[in-house]
Amino acid sequence: MKSLANITRDSAGWSVRIVRHGVQHSKYFRFSDGGIRASLARAKQWRDEQILELGERQWRKGPRKKAVNNTSGVAGVSRNVYGRWVATWQEEGVQRFKTFKTKREAIAHRKANVSRPD
């Protein structure tokens, strides 16, 4: 539903919200100003003008940073509620996991399974 990208509806109107470089650009279009369809048309027009002016969204390239909540230092290795370390990986599109007593074992198992050719 690309036609409503960046547009949300609530009980009284349409809200358009676009964020570029950490700055939010938003505007509200009430149903009472011409009806639901007319306000939606104005919202789409404003959104399209803003995207032309601000540019398309830029997606990040390259490796991602370590997540803030990553306590192990390795993606796919975490601690469960019982205090055991869990290694997770994908095999043929299916999520797999295995628990270990030590972080070192979990990291080694994850690396062995991720680097394996399919």
N, C-alpha and C. Protein backbone atom coordinates (compact mmCIF):
# COMPACT_ATOMS: atom_id res chain seq x y z
N MET A 1 0.85 -1.19 0.00
CA MET A 1 0.00 0.00 0.00
C MET A 1 0.88 1.24 0.00
N LYS A 2 1.62 1.41 -1.05
CA LYS A 2 2.56 2.52 -1.19
C LYS A 2 1.86 3.87 -1.18
N SER A 3 0.60 3.91 -1.63
CA SER A 3 -0.09 5.19 -1.73
C SER A 3 -0.30 5.87 -0.38
N LEU A 4 -0.28 5.09 0.72
CA LEU A 4 -0.45 5.68 2.04
C LEU A 4 0.84 5.67 2.87
N ALA A 5 1.99 5.56 2.22
CA ALA A 5 3.25 5.60 2.93
C ALA A 5 3.39 6.97 3.60
N ASN A 6 3.79 6.98 4.85
CA ASN A 6 3.97 8.18 5.66
C ASN A 6 2.66 8.85 6.05
N ILE A 7 1.52 8.23 5.75
CA ILE A 7 0.22 8.82 6.07
C ILE A 7 -0.54 7.86 6.98
N THR A 8 -1.04 8.39 8.11
CA THR A 8 -1.85 7.59 9.02
C THR A 8 -3.19 8.28 9.25
N ARG A 9 -4.18 7.47 9.57
CA ARG A 9 -5.53 7.99 9.79
C ARG A 9 -5.90 7.84 11.26
N ASP A 10 -6.56 8.85 11.80
CA ASP A 10 -7.15 8.72 13.12
C ASP A 10 -8.61 9.13 13.03
N SER A 11 -9.26 9.36 14.13
CA SER A 11 -10.71 9.59 14.12
C SER A 11 -11.13 10.90 13.46
N ALA A 12 -10.24 11.88 13.35
CA ALA A 12 -10.64 13.19 12.83
C ALA A 12 -9.87 13.65 11.60
N GLY A 13 -8.89 12.86 11.14
CA GLY A 13 -8.14 13.32 9.98
C GLY A 13 -6.96 12.45 9.63
N TRP A 14 -6.17 12.95 8.69
CA TRP A 14 -4.97 12.27 8.21
C TRP A 14 -3.74 12.99 8.73
N SER A 15 -2.75 12.23 9.15
CA SER A 15 -1.50 12.79 9.63
C SER A 15 -0.37 12.33 8.71
N VAL A 16 0.43 13.28 8.25
CA VAL A 16 1.57 12.96 7.39
C VAL A 16 2.84 13.25 8.20
N ARG A 17 3.75 12.28 8.22
CA ARG A 17 4.98 12.43 8.99
C ARG A 17 6.15 11.91 8.18
N ILE A 18 7.14 12.77 7.97
CA ILE A 18 8.35 12.42 7.22
C ILE A 18 9.54 12.86 8.08
N VAL A 19 10.53 11.97 8.22
CA VAL A 19 11.73 12.29 8.99
C VAL A 19 12.93 12.22 8.06
N ARG A 20 13.70 13.28 8.02
CA ARG A 20 14.93 13.32 7.24
C ARG A 20 16.03 13.93 8.09
N HIS A 21 17.14 13.21 8.21
CA HIS A 21 18.31 13.67 8.97
C HIS A 21 17.94 14.02 10.41
N GLY A 22 17.06 13.25 11.01
CA GLY A 22 16.67 13.45 12.39
C GLY A 22 15.66 14.56 12.62
N VAL A 23 15.19 15.22 11.56
CA VAL A 23 14.22 16.31 11.69
C VAL A 23 12.86 15.81 11.18
N GLN A 24 11.83 16.00 11.99
CA GLN A 24 10.49 15.57 11.62
C GLN A 24 9.74 16.68 10.91
N HIS A 25 9.12 16.34 9.79
CA HIS A 25 8.27 17.25 9.04
C HIS A 25 6.88 16.62 9.04
N SER A 26 5.90 17.32 9.63
CA SER A 26 4.57 16.72 9.73
C SER A 26 3.48 17.77 9.53
N LYS A 27 2.31 17.29 9.13
CA LYS A 27 1.16 18.16 8.93
C LYS A 27 -0.10 17.31 9.11
N TYR A 28 -1.17 17.96 9.59
CA TYR A 28 -2.43 17.27 9.87
C TYR A 28 -3.51 17.80 8.94
N PHE A 29 -4.30 16.91 8.38
CA PHE A 29 -5.37 17.26 7.44
C PHE A 29 -6.70 16.74 8.00
N ARG A 30 -7.56 17.66 8.44
CA ARG A 30 -8.83 17.29 9.07
C ARG A 30 -9.88 16.86 8.05
N PHE A 31 -10.72 15.90 8.46
CA PHE A 31 -11.82 15.46 7.62
C PHE A 31 -12.84 16.59 7.43
N SER A 32 -12.96 17.46 8.43
CA SER A 32 -13.96 18.52 8.38
C SER A 32 -13.65 19.58 7.31
N ASP A 33 -12.43 19.57 6.76
CA ASP A 33 -12.06 20.51 5.71
C ASP A 33 -12.27 19.89 4.32
N GLY A 34 -13.52 19.51 4.01
CA GLY A 34 -13.83 19.00 2.68
C GLY A 34 -14.13 17.51 2.61
N GLY A 35 -14.04 16.78 3.70
CA GLY A 35 -14.37 15.36 3.68
C GLY A 35 -13.13 14.47 3.70
N ILE A 36 -13.39 13.18 3.83
CA ILE A 36 -12.30 12.21 3.98
C ILE A 36 -11.45 12.13 2.71
N ARG A 37 -12.09 11.99 1.55
CA ARG A 37 -11.33 11.82 0.31
C ARG A 37 -10.56 13.08 -0.08
N ALA A 38 -11.18 14.23 0.11
CA ALA A 38 -10.51 15.49 -0.24
C ALA A 38 -9.31 15.73 0.68
N SER A 39 -9.49 15.45 1.96
CA SER A 39 -8.37 15.66 2.89
C SER A 39 -7.25 14.66 2.61
N LEU A 40 -7.59 13.43 2.22
CA LEU A 40 -6.57 12.45 1.86
C LEU A 40 -5.80 12.91 0.61
N ALA A 41 -6.51 13.44 -0.36
CA ALA A 41 -5.85 13.94 -1.57
C ALA A 41 -4.87 15.07 -1.22
N ARG A 42 -5.29 15.99 -0.34
CA ARG A 42 -4.39 17.08 0.07
C ARG A 42 -3.19 16.54 0.84
N ALA A 43 -3.42 15.52 1.68
CA ALA A 43 -2.32 14.92 2.45
C ALA A 43 -1.30 14.26 1.51
N LYS A 44 -1.78 13.53 0.51
CA LYS A 44 -0.87 12.90 -0.46
C LYS A 44 -0.09 13.94 -1.25
N GLN A 45 -0.77 15.01 -1.65
CA GLN A 45 -0.10 16.06 -2.41
C GLN A 45 0.98 16.72 -1.57
N TRP A 46 0.70 17.03 -0.31
CA TRP A 46 1.69 17.65 0.57
C TRP A 46 2.87 16.71 0.79
N ARG A 47 2.56 15.41 1.03
CA ARG A 47 3.63 14.43 1.22
C ARG A 47 4.54 14.36 0.00
N ASP A 48 3.94 14.29 -1.20
CA ASP A 48 4.74 14.19 -2.42
C ASP A 48 5.61 15.44 -2.64
N GLU A 49 5.07 16.61 -2.32
CA GLU A 49 5.85 17.85 -2.43
C GLU A 49 7.02 17.84 -1.45
N GLN A 50 6.78 17.37 -0.24
CA GLN A 50 7.85 17.32 0.77
C GLN A 50 8.95 16.35 0.36
N ILE A 51 8.55 15.20 -0.19
CA ILE A 51 9.56 14.22 -0.61
C ILE A 51 10.39 14.77 -1.77
N LEU A 52 9.76 15.50 -2.69
CA LEU A 52 10.53 16.12 -3.77
C LEU A 52 11.52 17.14 -3.22
N GLU A 53 11.08 17.91 -2.23
CA GLU A 53 11.93 18.94 -1.65
C GLU A 53 13.03 18.34 -0.77
N LEU A 54 12.68 17.37 0.07
CA LEU A 54 13.62 16.80 1.03
C LEU A 54 14.45 15.65 0.47
N GLY A 55 13.95 15.01 -0.58
CA GLY A 55 14.64 13.87 -1.17
C GLY A 55 14.11 12.56 -0.61
N GLU A 56 14.38 11.49 -1.34
CA GLU A 56 13.96 10.16 -0.91
C GLU A 56 14.73 9.75 0.33
N ARG A 57 14.19 8.77 1.03
CA ARG A 57 14.84 8.28 2.23
C ARG A 57 16.14 7.59 1.85
N GLN A 58 17.19 7.84 2.62
CA GLN A 58 18.49 7.22 2.39
C GLN A 58 18.65 6.05 3.34
N TRP A 59 18.92 4.88 2.78
CA TRP A 59 19.12 3.68 3.60
C TRP A 59 20.59 3.55 3.94
N ARG A 60 20.86 3.06 5.13
CA ARG A 60 22.24 2.90 5.57
C ARG A 60 22.91 1.79 4.79
N LYS A 61 24.21 1.98 4.56
CA LYS A 61 24.99 0.99 3.84
C LYS A 61 26.12 0.53 4.75
N GLY A 62 26.60 -0.66 4.48
CA GLY A 62 27.72 -1.19 5.25
C GLY A 62 27.27 -1.92 6.49
N PRO A 63 28.22 -2.33 7.30
CA PRO A 63 27.88 -3.11 8.50
C PRO A 63 27.16 -2.26 9.53
N ARG A 64 26.27 -2.92 10.26
CA ARG A 64 25.53 -2.23 11.31
C ARG A 64 26.36 -2.15 12.57
N LYS A 65 26.03 -1.17 13.39
CA LYS A 65 26.69 -1.06 14.68
C LYS A 65 26.18 -2.14 15.62
N LYS A 66 26.95 -2.41 16.66
CA LYS A 66 26.50 -3.35 17.67
C LYS A 66 25.28 -2.76 18.37
N ALA A 67 24.24 -3.56 18.54
CA ALA A 67 23.01 -3.09 19.18
C ALA A 67 23.30 -2.65 20.61
N VAL A 68 22.55 -1.69 21.10
CA VAL A 68 22.76 -1.14 22.43
C VAL A 68 22.53 -2.21 23.50
N ASN A 69 21.58 -3.11 23.24
CA ASN A 69 21.25 -4.13 24.24
C ASN A 69 22.05 -5.42 24.05
N ASN A 70 23.09 -5.40 23.22
CA ASN A 70 23.92 -6.58 22.99
C ASN A 70 24.95 -6.68 24.11
N THR A 71 24.76 -7.64 25.00
CA THR A 71 25.66 -7.78 26.14
C THR A 71 26.81 -8.74 25.87
N SER A 72 26.67 -9.59 24.86
CA SER A 72 27.73 -10.57 24.59
C SER A 72 28.82 -10.00 23.70
N GLY A 73 28.50 -8.99 22.90
CA GLY A 73 29.46 -8.45 21.97
C GLY A 73 29.45 -9.14 20.63
N VAL A 74 28.64 -10.19 20.48
CA VAL A 74 28.53 -10.94 19.23
C VAL A 74 27.07 -11.02 18.83
N ALA A 75 26.77 -10.67 17.58
CA ALA A 75 25.39 -10.77 17.11
C ALA A 75 24.97 -12.23 17.11
N GLY A 76 23.75 -12.51 17.59
CA GLY A 76 23.23 -13.88 17.61
C GLY A 76 23.57 -14.65 18.85
N VAL A 77 24.26 -14.03 19.80
CA VAL A 77 24.57 -14.69 21.07
C VAL A 77 24.03 -13.81 22.19
N SER A 78 23.21 -14.42 23.04
CA SER A 78 22.60 -13.65 24.13
C SER A 78 22.43 -14.55 25.36
N ARG A 79 21.98 -13.94 26.43
CA ARG A 79 21.74 -14.67 27.66
C ARG A 79 20.25 -14.80 27.86
N ASN A 80 19.78 -15.99 28.25
CA ASN A 80 18.35 -16.17 28.48
C ASN A 80 18.00 -15.88 29.94
N VAL A 81 16.72 -16.02 30.27
CA VAL A 81 16.25 -15.67 31.63
C VAL A 81 16.80 -16.61 32.69
N TYR A 82 17.32 -17.77 32.28
CA TYR A 82 17.88 -18.73 33.24
C TYR A 82 19.38 -18.57 33.42
N GLY A 83 19.96 -17.56 32.76
CA GLY A 83 21.39 -17.29 32.91
C GLY A 83 22.27 -18.10 31.98
N ARG A 84 21.68 -18.87 31.06
CA ARG A 84 22.47 -19.65 30.11
C ARG A 84 22.65 -18.84 28.83
N TRP A 85 23.72 -19.12 28.10
CA TRP A 85 24.01 -18.41 26.86
C TRP A 85 23.34 -19.13 25.70
N VAL A 86 22.75 -18.37 24.79
CA VAL A 86 22.02 -18.91 23.65
C VAL A 86 22.64 -18.42 22.35
N ALA A 87 22.94 -19.38 21.46
CA ALA A 87 23.42 -19.05 20.11
C ALA A 87 22.26 -19.25 19.15
N THR A 88 22.00 -18.25 18.29
CA THR A 88 20.94 -18.37 17.28
C THR A 88 21.53 -18.17 15.89
N TRP A 89 20.96 -18.87 14.90
CA TRP A 89 21.41 -18.77 13.52
C TRP A 89 20.28 -19.26 12.61
N GLN A 90 20.46 -19.09 11.31
CA GLN A 90 19.48 -19.52 10.32
C GLN A 90 20.02 -20.73 9.56
N GLU A 91 19.17 -21.74 9.36
CA GLU A 91 19.50 -22.89 8.52
C GLU A 91 18.37 -23.08 7.53
N GLU A 92 18.65 -22.87 6.26
CA GLU A 92 17.65 -23.04 5.20
C GLU A 92 16.37 -22.27 5.50
N GLY A 93 16.53 -21.04 5.98
CA GLY A 93 15.39 -20.18 6.25
C GLY A 93 14.68 -20.44 7.56
N VAL A 94 15.19 -21.37 8.39
CA VAL A 94 14.57 -21.70 9.67
C VAL A 94 15.48 -21.23 10.80
N GLN A 95 14.90 -20.54 11.77
CA GLN A 95 15.68 -20.05 12.92
C GLN A 95 16.01 -21.22 13.83
N ARG A 96 17.27 -21.36 14.17
CA ARG A 96 17.75 -22.42 15.07
C ARG A 96 18.41 -21.77 16.28
N PHE A 97 18.44 -22.51 17.40
CA PHE A 97 19.12 -22.02 18.58
C PHE A 97 19.62 -23.18 19.42
N LYS A 98 20.61 -22.91 20.25
CA LYS A 98 21.15 -23.91 21.17
C LYS A 98 21.69 -23.18 22.38
N THR A 99 21.50 -23.76 23.57
CA THR A 99 21.95 -23.12 24.81
C THR A 99 23.26 -23.73 25.29
N PHE A 100 24.04 -22.89 25.99
CA PHE A 100 25.34 -23.30 26.50
C PHE A 100 25.55 -22.72 27.89
N LYS A 101 26.47 -23.34 28.64
CA LYS A 101 26.79 -22.83 29.98
C LYS A 101 27.70 -21.61 29.90
N THR A 102 28.59 -21.58 28.90
CA THR A 102 29.54 -20.47 28.82
C THR A 102 29.33 -19.66 27.54
N LYS A 103 29.71 -18.40 27.63
CA LYS A 103 29.61 -17.51 26.48
C LYS A 103 30.56 -17.96 25.37
N ARG A 104 31.75 -18.41 25.75
CA ARG A 104 32.75 -18.85 24.78
C ARG A 104 32.21 -20.00 23.90
N GLU A 105 31.52 -20.97 24.52
CA GLU A 105 30.95 -22.09 23.77
C GLU A 105 29.87 -21.60 22.80
N ALA A 106 29.03 -20.69 23.25
CA ALA A 106 27.94 -20.17 22.42
C ALA A 106 28.50 -19.42 21.21
N ILE A 107 29.52 -18.60 21.43
CA ILE A 107 30.13 -17.84 20.33
C ILE A 107 30.77 -18.78 19.32
N ALA A 108 31.49 -19.79 19.80
CA ALA A 108 32.14 -20.75 18.90
C ALA A 108 31.10 -21.51 18.08
N HIS A 109 30.01 -21.91 18.70
CA HIS A 109 28.97 -22.65 17.99
C HIS A 109 28.29 -21.76 16.94
N ARG A 110 28.01 -20.54 17.30
CA ARG A 110 27.39 -19.60 16.35
C ARG A 110 28.29 -19.37 15.14
N LYS A 111 29.56 -19.10 15.39
CA LYS A 111 30.51 -18.87 14.28
C LYS A 111 30.62 -20.09 13.39
N ALA A 112 30.62 -21.28 13.96
CA ALA A 112 30.71 -22.50 13.17
C ALA A 112 29.48 -22.69 12.28
N ASN A 113 28.32 -22.35 12.79
CA ASN A 113 27.09 -22.54 12.02
C ASN A 113 26.83 -21.43 11.02
N VAL A 114 27.27 -20.22 11.31
CA VAL A 114 27.06 -19.11 10.38
C VAL A 114 28.00 -19.19 9.20
N SER A 115 29.24 -19.58 9.44
CA SER A 115 30.22 -19.61 8.36
C SER A 115 30.13 -20.86 7.49
N ARG A 116 29.28 -21.83 7.89
CA ARG A 116 29.11 -23.04 7.10
C ARG A 116 28.46 -22.74 5.76
N PRO A 117 28.99 -23.27 4.66
CA PRO A 117 28.31 -23.08 3.36
C PRO A 117 27.04 -23.93 3.32
N ASP A 118 25.98 -23.37 2.73
CA ASP A 118 24.70 -24.12 2.65
C ASP A 118 24.66 -25.06 1.49
